Amino acid sequence: MMVRTQIQLPDQLYARIKELCSQREWTLAEAMRRAAEQLVETHPISTTEASQWKLPTPKQLGPFLAKPEDWRELANQ
């Protein structure tokens, strides 16, 4: 079962999410579900959950391919 809801987003955030959806071939609803799932996974709801919470396992993204001399420029983009 799914619940239907409405949200309000600032124009700039909406545009960025729509661009992400376009690149990933996701619907806006799918992007919002993914964001909500990540939020509840990384932010405990109750004190019991908070005491059991652990930092999520990092994803293995492979080696960083940029040259060290390019890091500052890439970080500022």
Protein backbone atom coordinates (compact mmCIF):
# COMPACT_ATOMS: atom_id res chain seq x y z
CA MET A 1 0.00 0.00 0.00
CA MET A 2 1.19 3.52 -0.78
CA VAL A 3 0.15 6.83 0.76
CA ARG A 4 -0.28 9.81 -1.51
CA THR A 5 0.97 13.16 -0.19
CA GLN A 6 1.96 16.65 -1.26
CA ILE A 7 5.21 18.45 -0.50
CA GLN A 8 6.54 21.92 -1.16
CA LEU A 9 10.09 22.40 -2.41
CA PRO A 10 12.08 25.54 -3.16
CA ASP A 11 12.32 26.10 -6.93
CA GLN A 12 16.08 25.51 -7.04
CA LEU A 13 15.86 22.22 -5.12
CA TYR A 14 12.97 21.05 -7.32
CA ALA A 15 14.99 21.81 -10.46
CA ARG A 16 18.01 19.89 -9.14
CA ILE A 17 15.89 16.87 -8.20
CA LYS A 18 14.17 16.87 -11.59
CA GLU A 19 17.58 16.96 -13.30
CA LEU A 20 18.77 14.04 -11.15
CA CYS A 21 15.61 12.12 -12.00
CA SER A 22 16.15 12.77 -15.69
CA GLN A 23 19.74 11.52 -15.53
CA ARG A 24 18.80 8.39 -13.58
CA GLU A 25 15.52 7.77 -15.44
CA TRP A 26 13.59 7.91 -12.14
CA THR A 27 10.21 9.43 -11.45
CA LEU A 28 10.04 12.23 -8.91
CA ALA A 29 8.08 9.86 -6.64
CA GLU A 30 10.88 7.29 -6.80
CA ALA A 31 13.49 9.93 -5.92
CA MET A 32 11.42 11.09 -2.94
CA ARG A 33 10.97 7.49 -1.71
CA ARG A 34 14.72 6.87 -2.01
CA ALA A 35 15.47 10.07 -0.09
CA ALA A 36 12.94 9.20 2.63
CA GLU A 37 14.35 5.66 2.96
CA GLN A 38 17.86 7.04 3.37
CA LEU A 39 16.67 9.60 5.92
CA VAL A 40 14.95 7.05 8.18
CA GLU A 41 17.88 4.65 7.80
CA THR A 42 20.44 7.22 8.94
CA HIS A 43 18.39 9.12 11.57
CA PRO A 44 17.04 7.10 14.51
CA ILE A 45 13.40 7.71 15.45
CA SER A 46 13.31 6.57 19.09
CA THR A 47 15.81 6.50 21.94
CA THR A 48 15.86 2.69 21.71
CA GLU A 49 16.69 2.94 18.02
CA ALA A 50 19.24 5.66 18.73
CA SER A 51 21.15 3.43 21.15
CA GLN A 52 21.25 0.65 18.54
CA TRP A 53 22.13 2.94 15.62
CA LYS A 54 25.43 2.37 13.86
CA LEU A 55 27.09 4.35 11.13
CA PRO A 56 26.03 2.90 7.74
CA THR A 57 28.63 0.77 5.97
CA PRO A 58 30.45 2.88 3.37
CA LYS A 59 29.97 1.94 -0.25
CA GLN A 60 33.01 0.74 -2.16
CA LEU A 61 33.34 3.27 -4.96
CA GLY A 62 36.70 2.14 -6.23
CA PRO A 63 39.85 4.22 -6.53
CA PHE A 64 39.67 8.01 -6.82
CA LEU A 65 40.62 8.64 -10.44
CA ALA A 66 41.42 12.38 -10.31
CA LYS A 67 45.02 13.49 -9.98
CA PRO A 68 45.85 15.01 -6.55
CA GLU A 69 46.68 18.35 -8.17
CA ASP A 70 43.08 18.53 -9.48
CA TRP A 71 41.35 17.77 -6.14
CA ARG A 72 40.88 21.39 -5.03
CA GLU A 73 39.30 22.43 -8.33
CA LEU A 74 37.01 19.38 -8.34
CA ALA A 75 35.94 19.96 -4.72
CA ASN A 76 34.96 23.54 -5.54
CA GLN A 77 32.76 22.59 -8.50
